[in-house]
PDB file of all heavy atoms in Angstrom:
ATOM      1  N   GLY A   1       4.361  81.833 -19.760  1.00  0.00           N
ATOM      2  CA  GLY A   1       3.155  82.040 -18.960  1.00  0.00           C
ATOM      3  C   GLY A   1       1.864  82.047 -19.757  1.00  0.00           C
ATOM      4  O   GLY A   1       0.775  82.053 -19.171  1.00  0.00           O
ATOM      5  N   GLY A   2       1.960  82.048 -21.067  1.00  0.00           N
ATOM      6  CA  GLY A   2       0.763  81.982 -21.891  1.00  0.00           C
ATOM      7  C   GLY A   2       0.049  80.662 -21.710  1.00  0.00           C
ATOM      8  O   GLY A   2       0.684  79.629 -21.485  1.00  0.00           O
ATOM      9  N   THR A   3      -1.274  80.684 -21.779  1.00  0.00           N
ATOM     10  CA  THR A   3      -2.064  79.486 -21.510  1.00  0.00           C
ATOM     11  C   THR A   3      -2.969  79.128 -22.685  1.00  0.00           C
ATOM     12  O   THR A   3      -3.310  79.965 -23.523  1.00  0.00           O
ATOM     13  CB  THR A   3      -2.928  79.667 -20.260  1.00  0.00           C
ATOM     14  OG1 THR A   3      -3.794  80.795 -20.438  1.00  0.00           O
ATOM     15  CG2 THR A   3      -2.073  79.874 -19.034  1.00  0.00           C
ATOM     16  N   ASN A   4      -3.358  77.866 -22.708  1.00  0.00           N
ATOM     17  CA  ASN A   4      -4.265  77.348 -23.731  1.00  0.00           C
ATOM     18  C   ASN A   4      -5.126  76.279 -23.066  1.00  0.00           C
ATOM     19  O   ASN A   4      -4.619  75.501 -22.238  1.00  0.00           O
ATOM     20  CB  ASN A   4      -3.469  76.754 -24.890  1.00  0.00           C
ATOM     21  CG  ASN A   4      -4.353  76.319 -26.030  1.00  0.00           C
ATOM     22  OD1 ASN A   4      -5.323  76.985 -26.357  1.00  0.00           O
ATOM     23  ND2 ASN A   4      -4.028  75.185 -26.633  1.00  0.00           N
ATOM     24  N   TYR A   5      -6.408  76.248 -23.425  1.00  0.00           N
ATOM     25  CA  TYR A   5      -7.335  75.305 -22.805  1.00  0.00           C
ATOM     26  C   TYR A   5      -8.149  74.570 -23.855  1.00  0.00           C
ATOM     27  O   TYR A   5      -8.471  75.122 -24.915  1.00  0.00           O
ATOM     28  CB  TYR A   5      -8.310  76.035 -21.876  1.00  0.00           C
ATOM     29  CG  TYR A   5      -7.668  76.685 -20.689  1.00  0.00           C
ATOM     30  CD1 TYR A   5      -7.252  78.013 -20.739  1.00  0.00           C
ATOM     31  CD2 TYR A   5      -7.480  75.980 -19.505  1.00  0.00           C
ATOM     32  CE1 TYR A   5      -6.653  78.623 -19.642  1.00  0.00           C
ATOM     33  CE2 TYR A   5      -6.889  76.581 -18.404  1.00  0.00           C
ATOM     34  CZ  TYR A   5      -6.472  77.898 -18.480  1.00  0.00           C
ATOM     35  OH  TYR A   5      -5.888  78.489 -17.393  1.00  0.00           O
ATOM     36  N   ALA A   6      -8.524  73.346 -23.529  1.00  0.00           N
ATOM     37  CA  ALA A   6      -9.515  72.646 -24.339  1.00  0.00           C
ATOM     38  C   ALA A   6     -10.850  73.365 -24.196  1.00  0.00           C
ATOM     39  O   ALA A   6     -11.176  73.879 -23.118  1.00  0.00           O
ATOM     40  CB  ALA A   6      -9.645  71.202 -23.879  1.00  0.00           C
ATOM     41  N   ASP A   7     -11.617  73.382 -25.273  1.00  0.00           N
ATOM     42  CA  ASP A   7     -12.922  74.052 -25.229  1.00  0.00           C
ATOM     43  C   ASP A   7     -13.801  73.483 -24.123  1.00  0.00           C
ATOM     44  O   ASP A   7     -14.574  74.213 -23.492  1.00  0.00           O
ATOM     45  CB  ASP A   7     -13.638  73.904 -26.576  1.00  0.00           C
ATOM     46  CG  ASP A   7     -13.011  74.732 -27.677  1.00  0.00           C
ATOM     47  OD1 ASP A   7     -12.215  75.651 -27.354  1.00  0.00           O
ATOM     48  OD2 ASP A   7     -13.289  74.474 -28.852  1.00  0.00           O
ATOM     49  N   SER A   8     -13.669  72.189 -23.860  1.00  0.00           N
ATOM     50  CA  SER A   8     -14.550  71.521 -22.904  1.00  0.00           C
ATOM     51  C   SER A   8     -14.294  71.951 -21.459  1.00  0.00           C
ATOM     52  O   SER A   8     -15.145  71.730 -20.594  1.00  0.00           O
ATOM     53  CB  SER A   8     -14.386  70.005 -23.015  1.00  0.00           C
ATOM     54  OG  SER A   8     -13.043  69.629 -22.764  1.00  0.00           O
ATOM     55  N   VAL A   9     -13.151  72.555 -21.192  1.00  0.00           N
ATOM     56  CA  VAL A   9     -12.824  72.960 -19.813  1.00  0.00           C
ATOM     57  C   VAL A   9     -12.705  74.469 -19.666  1.00  0.00           C
ATOM     58  O   VAL A   9     -12.522  74.960 -18.542  1.00  0.00           O
ATOM     59  CB  VAL A   9     -11.538  72.277 -19.313  1.00  0.00           C
ATOM     60  CG1 VAL A   9     -11.607  70.772 -19.508  1.00  0.00           C
ATOM     61  CG2 VAL A   9     -10.298  72.849 -19.987  1.00  0.00           C
ATOM     62  N   LEU A  10     -12.799  75.194 -20.761  1.00  0.00           N
ATOM     63  CA  LEU A  10     -12.637  76.648 -20.729  1.00  0.00           C
ATOM     64  C   LEU A  10     -13.653  77.271 -19.782  1.00  0.00           C
ATOM     65  O   LEU A  10     -14.843  76.973 -19.849  1.00  0.00           O
ATOM     66  CB  LEU A  10     -12.802  77.203 -22.139  1.00  0.00           C
ATOM     67  CG  LEU A  10     -12.314  78.618 -22.411  1.00  0.00           C
ATOM     68  CD1 LEU A  10     -10.817  78.725 -22.149  1.00  0.00           C
ATOM     69  CD2 LEU A  10     -12.637  79.022 -23.848  1.00  0.00           C
ATOM     70  N   GLY A  11     -13.157  78.109 -18.887  1.00  0.00           N
ATOM     71  CA  GLY A  11     -14.019  78.752 -17.912  1.00  0.00           C
ATOM     72  C   GLY A  11     -14.195  77.965 -16.630  1.00  0.00           C
ATOM     73  O   GLY A  11     -14.704  78.500 -15.639  1.00  0.00           O
ATOM     74  N   ARG A  12     -13.791  76.700 -16.641  1.00  0.00           N
ATOM     75  CA  ARG A  12     -13.912  75.865 -15.433  1.00  0.00           C
ATOM     76  C   ARG A  12     -12.551  75.500 -14.843  1.00  0.00           C
ATOM     77  O   ARG A  12     -12.429  75.345 -13.630  1.00  0.00           O
ATOM     78  CB  ARG A  12     -14.674  74.575 -15.756  1.00  0.00           C
ATOM     79  CG  ARG A  12     -16.075  74.792 -16.276  1.00  0.00           C
ATOM     80  CD  ARG A  12     -16.837  73.470 -16.392  1.00  0.00           C
ATOM     81  NE  ARG A  12     -16.222  72.567 -17.363  1.00  0.00           N
ATOM     82  CZ  ARG A  12     -15.825  71.321 -17.067  1.00  0.00           C
ATOM     83  NH1 ARG A  12     -15.950  70.849 -15.838  1.00  0.00           N
ATOM     84  NH2 ARG A  12     -15.299  70.549 -18.016  1.00  0.00           N
ATOM     85  N   PHE A  13     -11.553  75.330 -15.695  1.00  0.00           N
ATOM     86  CA  PHE A  13     -10.212  74.928 -15.266  1.00  0.00           C
ATOM     87  C   PHE A  13      -9.252  76.111 -15.416  1.00  0.00           C
ATOM     88  O   PHE A  13      -9.365  76.898 -16.367  1.00  0.00           O
ATOM     89  CB  PHE A  13      -9.686  73.778 -16.107  1.00  0.00           C
ATOM     90  CG  PHE A  13     -10.378  72.450 -15.897  1.00  0.00           C
ATOM     91  CD1 PHE A  13     -11.585  72.346 -15.229  1.00  0.00           C
ATOM     92  CD2 PHE A  13      -9.797  71.290 -16.393  1.00  0.00           C
ATOM     93  CE1 PHE A  13     -12.210  71.137 -15.048  1.00  0.00           C
ATOM     94  CE2 PHE A  13     -10.410  70.058 -16.214  1.00  0.00           C
ATOM     95  CZ  PHE A  13     -11.622  69.982 -15.539  1.00  0.00           C
ATOM     96  N   THR A  14      -8.291  76.188 -14.503  1.00  0.00           N
ATOM     97  CA  THR A  14      -7.252  77.210 -14.570  1.00  0.00           C
ATOM     98  C   THR A  14      -5.901  76.568 -14.317  1.00  0.00           C
ATOM     99  O   THR A  14      -5.702  75.936 -13.271  1.00  0.00           O
ATOM    100  CB  THR A  14      -7.492  78.319 -13.537  1.00  0.00           C
ATOM    101  OG1 THR A  14      -8.787  78.898 -13.743  1.00  0.00           O
ATOM    102  CG2 THR A  14      -6.425  79.401 -13.671  1.00  0.00           C
ATOM    103  N   ILE A  15      -4.985  76.733 -15.255  1.00  0.00           N
ATOM    104  CA  ILE A  15      -3.640  76.198 -15.099  1.00  0.00           C
ATOM    105  C   ILE A  15      -2.707  77.297 -14.611  1.00  0.00           C
ATOM    106  O   ILE A  15      -2.868  78.471 -14.973  1.00  0.00           O
ATOM    107  CB  ILE A  15      -3.130  75.587 -16.433  1.00  0.00           C
ATOM    108  CG1 ILE A  15      -1.832  74.798 -16.215  1.00  0.00           C
ATOM    109  CG2 ILE A  15      -2.956  76.653 -17.513  1.00  0.00           C
ATOM    110  CD1 ILE A  15      -1.419  73.968 -17.425  1.00  0.00           C
ATOM    111  N   SER A  16      -1.748  76.921 -13.780  1.00  0.00           N
ATOM    112  CA  SER A  16      -0.761  77.876 -13.277  1.00  0.00           C
ATOM    113  C   SER A  16       0.539  77.137 -13.013  1.00  0.00           C
ATOM    114  O   SER A  16       0.565  75.903 -12.983  1.00  0.00           O
ATOM    115  CB  SER A  16      -1.269  78.562 -12.006  1.00  0.00           C
ATOM    116  OG  SER A  16      -1.514  77.610 -10.981  1.00  0.00           O
ATOM    117  N   ARG A  17       1.600  77.901 -12.826  1.00  0.00           N
ATOM    118  CA  ARG A  17       2.901  77.293 -12.562  1.00  0.00           C
ATOM    119  C   ARG A  17       3.655  78.113 -11.533  1.00  0.00           C
ATOM    120  O   ARG A  17       3.461  79.323 -11.413  1.00  0.00           O
ATOM    121  CB  ARG A  17       3.713  77.152 -13.844  1.00  0.00           C
ATOM    122  CG  ARG A  17       4.095  78.451 -14.516  1.00  0.00           C
ATOM    123  CD  ARG A  17       4.693  78.202 -15.922  1.00  0.00           C
ATOM    124  NE  ARG A  17       5.971  77.515 -15.844  1.00  0.00           N
ATOM    125  CZ  ARG A  17       6.516  76.850 -16.870  1.00  0.00           C
ATOM    126  NH1 ARG A  17       5.880  76.784 -18.025  1.00  0.00           N
ATOM    127  NH2 ARG A  17       7.687  76.268 -16.731  1.00  0.00           N
ATOM    128  N   ASP A  18       4.530  77.434 -10.814  1.00  0.00           N
ATOM    129  CA  ASP A  18       5.436  78.066  -9.851  1.00  0.00           C
ATOM    130  C   ASP A  18       6.837  77.616 -10.213  1.00  0.00           C
ATOM    131  O   ASP A  18       7.249  76.503  -9.874  1.00  0.00           O
ATOM    132  CB  ASP A  18       5.054  77.643  -8.430  1.00  0.00           C
ATOM    133  CG  ASP A  18       5.867  78.359  -7.369  1.00  0.00           C
ATOM    134  OD1 ASP A  18       7.030  78.737  -7.660  1.00  0.00           O
ATOM    135  OD2 ASP A  18       5.385  78.506  -6.246  1.00  0.00           O
ATOM    136  N   ASN A  19       7.557  78.457 -10.916  1.00  0.00           N
ATOM    137  CA  ASN A  19       8.886  78.066 -11.400  1.00  0.00           C
ATOM    138  C   ASN A  19       9.859  77.825 -10.248  1.00  0.00           C
ATOM    139  O   ASN A  19      10.735  76.960 -10.346  1.00  0.00           O
ATOM    140  CB  ASN A  19       9.430  79.125 -12.346  1.00  0.00           C
ATOM    141  CG  ASN A  19       8.741  79.117 -13.694  1.00  0.00           C
ATOM    142  OD1 ASN A  19       8.071  78.154 -14.071  1.00  0.00           O
ATOM    143  ND2 ASN A  19       8.880  80.210 -14.435  1.00  0.00           N
ATOM    144  N   ALA A  20       9.722  78.576  -9.182  1.00  0.00           N
ATOM    145  CA  ALA A  20      10.634  78.411  -8.041  1.00  0.00           C
ATOM    146  C   ALA A  20      10.477  77.031  -7.411  1.00  0.00           C
ATOM    147  O   ALA A  20      11.450  76.426  -6.960  1.00  0.00           O
ATOM    148  CB  ALA A  20      10.382  79.492  -7.005  1.00  0.00           C
ATOM    149  N   LYS A  21       9.251  76.528  -7.372  1.00  0.00           N
ATOM    150  CA  LYS A  21       8.985  75.212  -6.783  1.00  0.00           C
ATOM    151  C   LYS A  21       8.992  74.100  -7.816  1.00  0.00           C
ATOM    152  O   LYS A  21       8.828  72.934  -7.457  1.00  0.00           O
ATOM    153  CB  LYS A  21       7.647  75.237  -6.048  1.00  0.00           C
ATOM    154  CG  LYS A  21       7.613  76.155  -4.846  1.00  0.00           C
ATOM    155  CD  LYS A  21       6.263  76.086  -4.140  1.00  0.00           C
ATOM    156  CE  LYS A  21       6.253  76.978  -2.911  1.00  0.00           C
ATOM    157  NZ  LYS A  21       4.933  76.941  -2.216  1.00  0.00           N
ATOM    158  N   LYS A  22       9.154  74.465  -9.081  1.00  0.00           N
ATOM    159  CA  LYS A  22       9.123  73.484 -10.172  1.00  0.00           C
ATOM    160  C   LYS A  22       7.806  72.707 -10.156  1.00  0.00           C
ATOM    161  O   LYS A  22       7.790  71.471 -10.224  1.00  0.00           O
ATOM    162  CB  LYS A  22      10.313  72.525 -10.091  1.00  0.00           C
ATOM    163  CG  LYS A  22      11.655  73.201 -10.308  1.00  0.00           C
ATOM    164  CD  LYS A  22      12.775  72.180 -10.413  1.00  0.00           C
ATOM    165  CE  LYS A  22      14.103  72.836 -10.727  1.00  0.00           C
ATOM    166  NZ  LYS A  22      15.201  71.845 -10.888  1.00  0.00           N
ATOM    167  N   MET A  23       6.731  73.440 -10.080  1.00  0.00           N
ATOM    168  CA  MET A  23       5.415  72.805 -10.018  1.00  0.00           C
ATOM    169  C   MET A  23       4.438  73.467 -10.994  1.00  0.00           C
ATOM    170  O   MET A  23       4.535  74.665 -11.272  1.00  0.00           O
ATOM    171  CB  MET A  23       4.839  72.872  -8.602  1.00  0.00           C
ATOM    172  CG  MET A  23       5.654  72.098  -7.581  1.00  0.00           C
ATOM    173  SD  MET A  23       4.885  72.020  -5.975  1.00  0.00           S
ATOM    174  CE  MET A  23       3.562  70.852  -6.285  1.00  0.00           C
ATOM    175  N   VAL A  24       3.514  72.649 -11.470  1.00  0.00           N
ATOM    176  CA  VAL A  24       2.412  73.140 -12.286  1.00  0.00           C
ATOM    177  C   VAL A  24       1.122  72.618 -11.666  1.00  0.00           C
ATOM    178  O   VAL A  24       1.085  71.504 -11.133  1.00  0.00           O
ATOM    179  CB  VAL A  24       2.557  72.720 -13.762  1.00  0.00           C
ATOM    180  CG1 VAL A  24       2.566  71.208 -13.921  1.00  0.00           C
ATOM    181  CG2 VAL A  24       1.494  73.361 -14.622  1.00  0.00           C
ATOM    182  N   PHE A  25       0.090  73.440 -11.753  1.00  0.00           N
ATOM    183  CA  PHE A  25      -1.180  73.129 -11.105  1.00  0.00           C
ATOM    184  C   PHE A  25      -2.320  73.287 -12.110  1.00  0.00           C
ATOM    185  O   PHE A  25      -2.214  74.041 -13.074  1.00  0.00           O
ATOM    186  CB  PHE A  25      -1.436  74.081  -9.944  1.00  0.00           C
ATOM    187  CG  PHE A  25      -0.293  74.225  -9.000  1.00  0.00           C
ATOM    188  CD1 PHE A  25       0.629  75.259  -9.155  1.00  0.00           C
ATOM    189  CD2 PHE A  25      -0.112  73.338  -7.950  1.00  0.00           C
ATOM    190  CE1 PHE A  25       1.705  75.410  -8.287  1.00  0.00           C
ATOM    191  CE2 PHE A  25       0.954  73.474  -7.077  1.00  0.00           C
ATOM    192  CZ  PHE A  25       1.868  74.512  -7.250  1.00  0.00           C
ATOM    193  N   VAL A  26      -3.405  72.590 -11.826  1.00  0.00           N
ATOM    194  CA  VAL A  26      -4.643  72.888 -12.534  1.00  0.00           C
ATOM    195  C   VAL A  26      -5.780  72.876 -11.503  1.00  0.00           C
ATOM    196  O   VAL A  26      -5.987  71.893 -10.808  1.00  0.00           O
ATOM    197  CB  VAL A  26      -4.905  71.931 -13.709  1.00  0.00           C
ATOM    198  CG1 VAL A  26      -5.036  70.495 -13.272  1.00  0.00           C
ATOM    199  CG2 VAL A  26      -6.127  72.382 -14.506  1.00  0.00           C
ATOM    200  N   GLN A  27      -6.428  74.013 -11.394  1.00  0.00           N
ATOM    201  CA  GLN A  27      -7.601  74.148 -10.535  1.00  0.00           C
ATOM    202  C   GLN A  27      -8.819  73.782 -11.375  1.00  0.00           C
ATOM    203  O   GLN A  27      -9.054  74.401 -12.429  1.00  0.00           O
ATOM    204  CB  GLN A  27      -7.726  75.568 -10.018  1.00  0.00           C
ATOM    205  CG  GLN A  27      -8.977  75.829  -9.187  1.00  0.00           C
ATOM    206  CD  GLN A  27      -8.976  75.074  -7.882  1.00  0.00           C
ATOM    207  OE1 GLN A  27      -7.958  74.988  -7.200  1.00  0.00           O
ATOM    208  NE2 GLN A  27     -10.129  74.511  -7.519  1.00  0.00           N
ATOM    209  N   MET A  28      -9.572  72.793 -10.917  1.00  0.00           N
ATOM    210  CA  MET A  28     -10.707  72.298 -11.683  1.00  0.00           C
ATOM    211  C   MET A  28     -11.985  72.552 -10.891  1.00  0.00           C
ATOM    212  O   MET A  28     -12.156  71.989  -9.798  1.00  0.00           O
ATOM    213  CB  MET A  28     -10.533  70.802 -11.971  1.00  0.00           C
ATOM    214  CG  MET A  28      -9.211  70.469 -12.642  1.00  0.00           C
ATOM    215  SD  MET A  28      -9.076  68.739 -13.151  1.00  0.00           S
ATOM    216  CE  MET A  28      -9.164  67.910 -11.574  1.00  0.00           C
ATOM    217  N   ASN A  29     -12.836  73.396 -11.418  1.00  0.00           N
ATOM    218  CA  ASN A  29     -14.088  73.748 -10.769  1.00  0.00           C
ATOM    219  C   ASN A  29     -15.275  73.248 -11.587  1.00  0.00           C
ATOM    220  O   ASN A  29     -15.146  72.968 -12.784  1.00  0.00           O
ATOM    221  CB  ASN A  29     -14.186  75.268 -10.596  1.00  0.00           C
ATOM    222  CG  ASN A  29     -13.096  75.828  -9.708  1.00  0.00           C
ATOM    223  OD1 ASN A  29     -12.632  75.170  -8.777  1.00  0.00           O
ATOM    224  ND2 ASN A  29     -12.681  77.050 -10.000  1.00  0.00           N
ATOM    225  N   ASN A  30     -16.428  73.172 -10.917  1.00  0.00           N
ATOM    226  CA  ASN A  30     -17.653  72.731 -11.588  1.00  0.00           C
ATOM    227  C   ASN A  30     -17.419  71.443 -12.377  1.00  0.00           C
ATOM    228  O   ASN A  30     -17.761  71.350 -13.563  1.00  0.00           O
ATOM    229  CB  ASN A  30     -18.188  73.829 -12.499  1.00  0.00           C
ATOM    230  CG  ASN A  30     -19.580  73.541 -13.027  1.00  0.00           C
ATOM    231  OD1 ASN A  30     -20.330  72.757 -12.438  1.00  0.00           O
ATOM    232  ND2 ASN A  30     -19.931  74.155 -14.150  1.00  0.00           N
ATOM    233  N   LEU A  31     -16.847  70.476 -11.713  1.00  0.00           N
ATOM    234  CA  LEU A  31     -16.493  69.220 -12.387  1.00  0.00           C
ATOM    235  C   LEU A  31     -17.742  68.471 -12.831  1.00  0.00           C
ATOM    236  O   LEU A  31     -18.788  68.499 -12.164  1.00  0.00           O
ATOM    237  CB  LEU A  31     -15.640  68.354 -11.466  1.00  0.00           C
ATOM    238  CG  LEU A  31     -14.177  68.804 -11.376  1.00  0.00           C
ATOM    239  CD1 LEU A  31     -13.512  68.260 -10.131  1.00  0.00           C
ATOM    240  CD2 LEU A  31     -13.421  68.394 -12.618  1.00  0.00           C
ATOM    241  N   LYS A  32     -17.603  67.793 -13.957  1.00  0.00           N
ATOM    242  CA  LYS A  32     -18.686  67.041 -14.565  1.00  0.00           C
ATOM    243  C   LYS A  32     -18.289  65.574 -14.690  1.00  0.00           C
ATOM    244  O   LYS A  32     -17.094  65.264 -14.747  1.00  0.00           O
ATOM    245  CB  LYS A  32     -18.998  67.604 -15.950  1.00  0.00           C
ATOM    246  CG  LYS A  32     -19.319  69.088 -15.954  1.00  0.00           C
ATOM    247  CD  LYS A  32     -19.500  69.601 -17.374  1.00  0.00           C
ATOM    248  CE  LYS A  32     -19.815  71.094 -17.390  1.00  0.00           C
ATOM    249  NZ  LYS A  32     -20.009  71.603 -18.774  1.00  0.00           N
ATOM    250  N   PRO A  33     -19.261  64.677 -14.767  1.00  0.00           N
ATOM    251  CA  PRO A  33     -18.907  63.255 -14.920  1.00  0.00           C
ATOM    252  C   PRO A  33     -18.007  62.996 -16.119  1.00  0.00           C
ATOM    253  O   PRO A  33     -17.139  62.114 -16.062  1.00  0.00           O
ATOM    254  CB  PRO A  33     -20.280  62.589 -15.092  1.00  0.00           C
ATOM    255  CG  PRO A  33     -21.217  63.464 -14.332  1.00  0.00           C
ATOM    256  CD  PRO A  33     -20.708  64.861 -14.561  1.00  0.00           C
ATOM    257  N   GLU A  34     -18.165  63.778 -17.172  1.00  0.00           N
ATOM    258  CA  GLU A  34     -17.330  63.576 -18.362  1.00  0.00           C
ATOM    259  C   GLU A  34     -15.885  64.033 -18.160  1.00  0.00           C
ATOM    260  O   GLU A  34     -15.038  63.824 -19.029  1.00  0.00           O
ATOM    261  CB  GLU A  34     -17.931  64.283 -19.583  1.00  0.00           C
ATOM    262  CG  GLU A  34     -18.272  65.744 -19.373  1.00  0.00           C
ATOM    263  CD  GLU A  34     -19.741  65.945 -19.018  1.00  0.00           C
ATOM    264  OE1 GLU A  34     -20.289  65.148 -18.216  1.00  0.00           O
ATOM    265  OE2 GLU A  34     -20.327  66.931 -19.527  1.00  0.00           O
ATOM    266  N   ASP A  35     -15.581  64.645 -17.021  1.00  0.00           N
ATOM    267  CA  ASP A  35     -14.194  64.986 -16.689  1.00  0.00           C
ATOM    268  C   ASP A  35     -13.455  63.802 -16.076  1.00  0.00           C
ATOM    269  O   ASP A  35     -12.247  63.876 -15.842  1.00  0.00           O
ATOM    270  CB  ASP A  35     -14.149  66.163 -15.710  1.00  0.00           C
ATOM    271  CG  ASP A  35     -14.677  67.450 -16.296  1.00  0.00           C
ATOM    272  OD1 ASP A  35     -14.346  67.753 -17.464  1.00  0.00           O
ATOM    273  OD2 ASP A  35     -15.420  68.166 -15.589  1.00  0.00           O
TER     274      ASP A  35
END
């Protein structure tokens, strides 16, 4: 469950996982053209 982020997305993106559903997600907020 430990997480790591690129500096360029820190504070804007959040990664999570659901082991029961075998899924991983990334919530991306305040998106920029460079994303």
